[in-house]
C-alpha atoms as a PDB file:
ATOM      1  CA  MET A   1      76.898  17.338  32.730  1.00  0.00           C
ATOM      2  CA  PRO A   2      79.541  17.192  35.493  1.00  0.00           C
ATOM      3  CA  THR A   3      80.950  20.489  36.706  1.00  0.00           C
ATOM      4  CA  VAL A   4      84.510  21.465  35.852  1.00  0.00           C
ATOM      5  CA  SER A   5      85.578  20.928  39.474  1.00  0.00           C
ATOM      6  CA  THR A   6      84.073  17.432  39.438  1.00  0.00           C
ATOM      7  CA  LEU A   7      85.871  16.530  36.220  1.00  0.00           C
ATOM      8  CA  LEU A   8      89.174  17.854  37.567  1.00  0.00           C
ATOM      9  CA  ALA A   9      88.796  15.918  40.823  1.00  0.00           C
ATOM     10  CA  PHE A  10      87.930  12.751  38.926  1.00  0.00           C
ATOM     11  CA  ALA A  11      90.842  13.272  36.526  1.00  0.00           C
ATOM     12  CA  ALA A  12      93.220  13.613  39.494  1.00  0.00           C
ATOM     13  CA  LEU A  13      91.922  10.358  40.956  1.00  0.00           C
ATOM     14  CA  CYS A  14      92.283   8.639  37.581  1.00  0.00           C
ATOM     15  CA  LEU A  15      95.847   9.893  37.359  1.00  0.00           C
ATOM     16  CA  GLY A  16      96.657   8.370  40.742  1.00  0.00           C
ATOM     17  CA  MET A  17      95.115   5.065  39.679  1.00  0.00           C
ATOM     18  CA  VAL A  18      96.850   4.864  36.304  1.00  0.00           C
ATOM     19  CA  LEU A  19     100.232   5.477  37.930  1.00  0.00           C
ATOM     20  CA  THR A  20      99.835   2.465  40.230  1.00  0.00           C
ATOM     21  CA  PRO A  21     101.071  -0.968  39.155  1.00  0.00           C
ATOM     22  CA  GLY A  22      98.536  -3.158  37.411  1.00  0.00           C
ATOM     23  CA  PRO A  23      98.255  -5.677  34.562  1.00  0.00           C
ATOM     24  CA  ASN A  24      98.007  -2.964  31.904  1.00  0.00           C
ATOM     25  CA  MET A  25     101.103  -1.093  33.047  1.00  0.00           C
ATOM     26  CA  LEU A  26     103.133  -4.286  33.533  1.00  0.00           C
ATOM     27  CA  TYR A  27     102.227  -5.482  30.052  1.00  0.00           C
ATOM     28  CA  LEU A  28     102.933  -2.154  28.341  1.00  0.00           C
ATOM     29  CA  VAL A  29     106.253  -1.659  30.078  1.00  0.00           C
ATOM     30  CA  SER A  30     107.372  -5.196  29.290  1.00  0.00           C
ATOM     31  CA  ARG A  31     106.416  -4.874  25.633  1.00  0.00           C
ATOM     32  CA  SER A  32     108.097  -1.511  25.271  1.00  0.00           C
ATOM     33  CA  VAL A  33     111.308  -2.666  26.942  1.00  0.00           C
ATOM     34  CA  CYS A  34     111.520  -6.028  25.142  1.00  0.00           C
ATOM     35  CA  GLN A  35     110.172  -5.165  21.687  1.00  0.00           C
ATOM     36  CA  GLY A  36     110.380  -1.400  21.336  1.00  0.00           C
ATOM     37  CA  ARG A  37     108.161   1.637  21.635  1.00  0.00           C
ATOM     38  CA  LYS A  38     106.105   0.808  18.536  1.00  0.00           C
ATOM     39  CA  ALA A  39     105.097  -2.545  20.025  1.00  0.00           C
ATOM     40  CA  GLY A  40     104.180  -0.794  23.267  1.00  0.00           C
ATOM     41  CA  LEU A  41     101.963   1.734  21.480  1.00  0.00           C
ATOM     42  CA  ILE A  42     100.211  -0.986  19.441  1.00  0.00           C
ATOM     43  CA  SER A  43      99.520  -2.821  22.689  1.00  0.00           C
ATOM     44  CA  LEU A  44      98.217   0.436  24.174  1.00  0.00           C
ATOM     45  CA  ALA A  45      95.725   0.747  21.303  1.00  0.00           C
ATOM     46  CA  GLY A  46      94.270  -2.630  22.265  1.00  0.00           C
ATOM     47  CA  ILE A  47      94.096  -1.609  25.910  1.00  0.00           C
ATOM     48  CA  ALA A  48      92.332   1.637  24.939  1.00  0.00           C
ATOM     49  CA  LEU A  49      89.638  -0.338  23.080  1.00  0.00           C
ATOM     50  CA  GLY A  50      89.085  -2.384  26.222  1.00  0.00           C
ATOM     51  CA  LEU A  51      88.646   0.828  28.218  1.00  0.00           C
ATOM     52  CA  VAL A  52      86.005   2.045  25.766  1.00  0.00           C
ATOM     53  CA  PHE A  53      84.135  -1.256  26.135  1.00  0.00           C
ATOM     54  CA  TYR A  54      84.133  -0.978  29.936  1.00  0.00           C
ATOM     55  CA  MET A  55      83.106   2.665  29.786  1.00  0.00           C
ATOM     56  CA  LEU A  56      80.085   1.978  27.569  1.00  0.00           C
ATOM     57  CA  CYS A  57      78.903  -1.004  29.601  1.00  0.00           C
ATOM     58  CA  THR A  58      79.372   0.758  32.920  1.00  0.00           C
ATOM     59  CA  ALA A  59      77.714   4.006  31.813  1.00  0.00           C
ATOM     60  CA  LEU A  60      74.586   2.128  30.789  1.00  0.00           C
ATOM     61  CA  GLY A  61      74.668  -0.060  33.880  1.00  0.00           C
ATOM     62  CA  ILE A  62      75.194   2.772  36.354  1.00  0.00           C
ATOM     63  CA  SER A  63      72.254   4.697  34.895  1.00  0.00           C
ATOM     64  CA  ALA A  64      69.904   1.775  35.524  1.00  0.00           C
ATOM     65  CA  LEU A  65      71.467   0.825  38.869  1.00  0.00           C
ATOM     66  CA  LEU A  66      71.252   4.242  40.519  1.00  0.00           C
ATOM     67  CA  MET A  67      67.661   4.639  39.363  1.00  0.00           C
ATOM     68  CA  THR A  68      66.489   1.370  40.893  1.00  0.00           C
ATOM     69  CA  LEU A  69      68.827   0.532  43.807  1.00  0.00           C
ATOM     70  CA  PRO A  70      70.255   3.573  45.634  1.00  0.00           C
ATOM     71  CA  LEU A  71      71.851   1.391  48.353  1.00  0.00           C
ATOM     72  CA  ALA A  72      74.102  -0.129  45.692  1.00  0.00           C
ATOM     73  CA  TYR A  73      76.248   2.998  45.971  1.00  0.00           C
ATOM     74  CA  ASP A  74      77.525   2.024  49.417  1.00  0.00           C
ATOM     75  CA  ALA A  75      78.254  -1.514  48.266  1.00  0.00           C
ATOM     76  CA  LEU A  76      80.247  -0.222  45.293  1.00  0.00           C
ATOM     77  CA  ARG A  77      82.077   2.290  47.478  1.00  0.00           C
ATOM     78  CA  LEU A  78      83.094  -0.435  49.937  1.00  0.00           C
ATOM     79  CA  ALA A  79      84.199  -2.755  47.137  1.00  0.00           C
ATOM     80  CA  GLY A  80      86.291  -0.002  45.574  1.00  0.00           C
ATOM     81  CA  ALA A  81      87.938   0.893  48.896  1.00  0.00           C
ATOM     82  CA  LEU A  82      88.793  -2.741  49.633  1.00  0.00           C
ATOM     83  CA  TYR A  83      90.313  -3.197  46.198  1.00  0.00           C
ATOM     84  CA  LEU A  84      92.415  -0.052  46.604  1.00  0.00           C
ATOM     85  CA  LEU A  85      93.685  -1.444  49.912  1.00  0.00           C
ATOM     86  CA  TYR A  86      94.548  -4.696  48.130  1.00  0.00           C
ATOM     87  CA  LEU A  87      96.546  -2.779  45.506  1.00  0.00           C
ATOM     88  CA  ALA A  88      98.276  -0.833  48.270  1.00  0.00           C
ATOM     89  CA  TRP A  89      99.306  -4.087  49.962  1.00  0.00           C
ATOM     90  CA  GLN A  90     100.600  -5.472  46.658  1.00  0.00           C
ATOM     91  CA  ALA A  91     102.866  -2.430  46.402  1.00  0.00           C
ATOM     92  CA  LEU A  92     103.980  -2.362  50.040  1.00  0.00           C
ATOM     93  CA  LYS A  93     104.310  -6.053  50.926  1.00  0.00           C
ATOM     94  CA  PRO A  94     107.812  -7.508  51.345  1.00  0.00           C
ATOM     95  CA  GLY A  95     109.133  -8.628  47.989  1.00  0.00           C
ATOM     96  CA  GLY A  96     106.762  -6.386  46.066  1.00  0.00           C
ATOM     97  CA  ARG A  97     107.772  -5.825  42.473  1.00  0.00           C
ATOM     98  CA  SER A  98     108.182  -2.550  40.627  1.00  0.00           C
ATOM     99  CA  PRO A  99     106.294  -2.386  37.317  1.00  0.00           C
ATOM    100  CA  PHE A 100     109.534  -1.218  35.707  1.00  0.00           C
ATOM    101  CA  ALA A 101     111.448  -4.341  36.691  1.00  0.00           C
ATOM    102  CA  LEU A 102     112.561  -6.065  33.508  1.00  0.00           C
ATOM    103  CA  ARG A 103     110.614  -9.082  32.281  1.00  0.00           C
ATOM    104  CA  THR A 104     111.413 -11.047  29.142  1.00  0.00           C
ATOM    105  CA  LEU A 105     108.646 -11.443  26.544  1.00  0.00           C
ATOM    106  CA  PRO A 106     108.977 -12.969  23.061  1.00  0.00           C
ATOM    107  CA  PRO A 107     108.399 -10.665  20.043  1.00  0.00           C
ATOM    108  CA  ASP A 108     104.907 -10.804  18.517  1.00  0.00           C
ATOM    109  CA  SER A 109     103.161  -9.481  15.408  1.00  0.00           C
ATOM    110  CA  PRO A 110     101.243  -6.167  15.528  1.00  0.00           C
ATOM    111  CA  ARG A 111      97.931  -8.060  15.306  1.00  0.00           C
ATOM    112  CA  LYS A 112      98.810 -10.240  18.271  1.00  0.00           C
ATOM    113  CA  LEU A 113     100.126  -7.246  20.221  1.00  0.00           C
ATOM    114  CA  PHE A 114      96.803  -5.429  19.720  1.00  0.00           C
ATOM    115  CA  SER A 115      94.774  -8.532  20.629  1.00  0.00           C
ATOM    116  CA  MET A 116      96.817  -9.227  23.743  1.00  0.00           C
ATOM    117  CA  GLY A 117      96.526  -5.589  24.806  1.00  0.00           C
ATOM    118  CA  LEU A 118      92.742  -5.774  24.402  1.00  0.00           C
ATOM    119  CA  LEU A 119      92.561  -9.035  26.346  1.00  0.00           C
ATOM    120  CA  THR A 120      94.784  -7.666  29.113  1.00  0.00           C
ATOM    121  CA  SER A 121      92.474  -4.669  29.442  1.00  0.00           C
ATOM    122  CA  LEU A 122      89.257  -6.715  29.443  1.00  0.00           C
ATOM    123  CA  LEU A 123      90.589  -9.117  32.079  1.00  0.00           C
ATOM    124  CA  ASN A 124      91.982  -6.354  34.296  1.00  0.00           C
ATOM    125  CA  PRO A 125      89.912  -6.209  37.530  1.00  0.00           C
ATOM    126  CA  LYS A 126      91.429  -2.823  38.358  1.00  0.00           C
ATOM    127  CA  ILE A 127      89.580  -1.260  35.390  1.00  0.00           C
ATOM    128  CA  ALA A 128      86.287  -2.934  36.244  1.00  0.00           C
ATOM    129  CA  VAL A 129      86.454  -1.792  39.862  1.00  0.00           C
ATOM    130  CA  MET A 130      87.429   1.732  38.834  1.00  0.00           C
ATOM    131  CA  TYR A 131      84.383   2.161  36.628  1.00  0.00           C
ATOM    132  CA  LEU A 132      81.902   0.325  38.846  1.00  0.00           C
ATOM    133  CA  SER A 133      82.939   1.804  42.186  1.00  0.00           C
ATOM    134  CA  LEU A 134      84.454   5.213  41.450  1.00  0.00           C
ATOM    135  CA  LEU A 135      82.198   6.640  38.738  1.00  0.00           C
ATOM    136  CA  PRO A 136      79.028   6.681  40.900  1.00  0.00           C
ATOM    137  CA  GLN A 137      80.741   8.836  43.522  1.00  0.00           C
ATOM    138  CA  PHE A 138      81.185  11.668  41.018  1.00  0.00           C
ATOM    139  CA  ILE A 139      77.705  11.503  39.496  1.00  0.00           C
ATOM    140  CA  GLN A 140      75.291  14.202  40.690  1.00  0.00           C
ATOM    141  CA  PRO A 141      71.707  13.577  39.463  1.00  0.00           C
ATOM    142  CA  GLU A 142      70.792  17.217  40.074  1.00  0.00           C
ATOM    143  CA  HIS A 143      73.240  18.218  37.325  1.00  0.00           C
ATOM    144  CA  GLY A 144      71.398  16.405  34.553  1.00  0.00           C
ATOM    145  CA  SER A 145      71.335  13.010  32.874  1.00  0.00           C
ATOM    146  CA  VAL A 146      73.139  10.293  34.812  1.00  0.00           C
ATOM    147  CA  LEU A 147      73.943   8.599  31.512  1.00  0.00           C
ATOM    148  CA  LEU A 148      75.602  11.693  30.022  1.00  0.00           C
ATOM    149  CA  GLN A 149      77.563  12.293  33.215  1.00  0.00           C
ATOM    150  CA  SER A 150      78.740   8.670  33.128  1.00  0.00           C
ATOM    151  CA  PHE A 151      79.916   9.089  29.534  1.00  0.00           C
ATOM    152  CA  ALA A 152      81.722  12.347  30.356  1.00  0.00           C
ATOM    153  CA  LEU A 153      83.499  10.822  33.356  1.00  0.00           C
ATOM    154  CA  GLY A 154      84.315   7.658  31.425  1.00  0.00           C
ATOM    155  CA  LEU A 155      85.831   9.629  28.554  1.00  0.00           C
ATOM    156  CA  THR A 156      87.864  11.645  31.067  1.00  0.00           C
ATOM    157  CA  GLN A 157      89.287   8.417  32.491  1.00  0.00           C
ATOM    158  CA  ILE A 158      90.130   7.110  29.017  1.00  0.00           C
ATOM    159  CA  VAL A 159      91.915  10.333  28.025  1.00  0.00           C
ATOM    160  CA  VAL A 160      93.921  10.408  31.267  1.00  0.00           C
ATOM    161  CA  GLY A 161      94.670   6.690  31.171  1.00  0.00           C
ATOM    162  CA  VAL A 162      95.729   6.501  27.532  1.00  0.00           C
ATOM    163  CA  SER A 163      97.788   9.698  27.734  1.00  0.00           C
ATOM    164  CA  MET A 164      99.735   8.639  30.816  1.00  0.00           C
ATOM    165  CA  ASN A 165     100.205   5.084  29.588  1.00  0.00           C
ATOM    166  CA  ALA A 166     101.573   6.480  26.325  1.00  0.00           C
ATOM    167  CA  VAL A 167     104.123   8.524  28.277  1.00  0.00           C
ATOM    168  CA  ILE A 168     105.040   5.476  30.368  1.00  0.00           C
ATOM    169  CA  THR A 169     105.333   3.302  27.246  1.00  0.00           C
ATOM    170  CA  LEU A 170     107.604   5.770  25.460  1.00  0.00           C
ATOM    171  CA  SER A 171     109.859   6.225  28.483  1.00  0.00           C
ATOM    172  CA  ALA A 172     109.743   2.678  29.889  1.00  0.00           C
ATOM    173  CA  ALA A 173     113.178   1.622  28.638  1.00  0.00           C
ATOM    174  CA  SER A 174     114.858   4.711  30.084  1.00  0.00           C
ATOM    175  CA  ILE A 175     113.066   4.376  33.431  1.00  0.00           C
ATOM    176  CA  SER A 176     113.894   0.660  33.681  1.00  0.00           C
ATOM    177  CA  ALA A 177     117.563   1.334  33.026  1.00  0.00           C
ATOM    178  CA  LEU A 178     117.570   4.140  35.597  1.00  0.00           C
ATOM    179  CA  LEU A 179     115.916   2.071  38.334  1.00  0.00           C
ATOM    180  CA  ALA A 180     117.830  -1.148  37.607  1.00  0.00           C
ATOM    181  CA  GLY A 181     120.935   0.112  39.351  1.00  0.00           C
ATOM    182  CA  ARG A 182     119.070   1.968  42.096  1.00  0.00           C
ATOM    183  CA  PRO A 183     117.067  -0.479  44.234  1.00  0.00           C
ATOM    184  CA  HIS A 184     116.328   2.224  46.822  1.00  0.00           C
ATOM    185  CA  TRP A 185     114.450   4.213  44.153  1.00  0.00           C
ATOM    186  CA  GLN A 186     112.360   1.146  43.343  1.00  0.00           C
ATOM    187  CA  ARG A 187     111.436   0.805  47.027  1.00  0.00           C
ATOM    188  CA  LEU A 188     110.603   4.507  47.238  1.00  0.00           C
ATOM    189  CA  GLN A 189     108.397   4.212  44.151  1.00  0.00           C
ATOM    190  CA  ARG A 190     106.477   1.266  45.622  1.00  0.00           C
ATOM    191  CA  TRP A 191     106.013   2.960  48.998  1.00  0.00           C
ATOM    192  CA  LEU A 192     104.816   6.170  47.378  1.00  0.00           C
ATOM    193  CA  MET A 193     102.253   4.379  45.216  1.00  0.00           C
ATOM    194  CA  GLY A 194     101.120   2.186  48.107  1.00  0.00           C
ATOM    195  CA  SER A 195     100.639   5.193  50.373  1.00  0.00           C
ATOM    196  CA  VAL A 196      98.585   7.036  47.753  1.00  0.00           C
ATOM    197  CA  LEU A 197      96.359   3.988  47.219  1.00  0.00           C
ATOM    198  CA  ALA A 198      95.818   3.503  50.952  1.00  0.00           C
ATOM    199  CA  GLY A 199      94.942   7.188  51.342  1.00  0.00           C
ATOM    200  CA  LEU A 200      92.380   6.972  48.527  1.00  0.00           C
ATOM    201  CA  ALA A 201      90.854   3.879  50.134  1.00  0.00           C
ATOM    202  CA  VAL A 202      90.476   5.598  53.521  1.00  0.00           C
ATOM    203  CA  HIS A 203      88.928   8.632  51.837  1.00  0.00           C
ATOM    204  CA  MET A 204      86.392   6.405  50.064  1.00  0.00           C
ATOM    205  CA  LEU A 205      85.481   4.665  53.323  1.00  0.00           C
ATOM    206  CA  ILE A 206      84.813   7.837  55.331  1.00  0.00           C
ATOM    207  CA  GLN A 207      83.152  10.029  52.723  1.00  0.00           C
ATOM    208  CA  ARG A 208      79.396  10.345  52.397  1.00  0.00           C
ATOM    209  CA  ARG A 209      77.255  10.318  49.274  1.00  0.00           C
END
């Protein structure tokens, strides 16, 4: 099993990732603002199921991959770093959009909200890259089963992701109203998130296995 320090470091990285703009956050914020907190939480339940699906598939895949193709680690690390740089650019580029900027969405039934949340999660490349490129960096074969470590790290990501997204969903309307009249705060938010993402990418590029 991963050490406590490894789990804490991974949880901190997951926290930084979940706080950056992405399809899941944009969808949850929009639903919460347009249709209420209940709709946002139902959508979050669908997203959480998608996270579980990715976690199970990746845990099984990583176990087989690291056993048979050690060089795949560097390829995954490079892919993860490049994607983090892409997310950083999306946040920092001129005209970049804050995830709390209001978007209009029509009201939907709970069943459709759950289904759309699940689909948003499954089609979110940010989640796929997180599991495929970040999990292997925190797996230490000398500490036991690679499969069990993958499950432990995956569950940590799900707990952090769902918890923080729940907080964002419940407070989305208040945050949107606060930022709507303060464009400088929206710019500061984007620059802060972009800087964190770029820093994580550089760290991934220079670190060794």
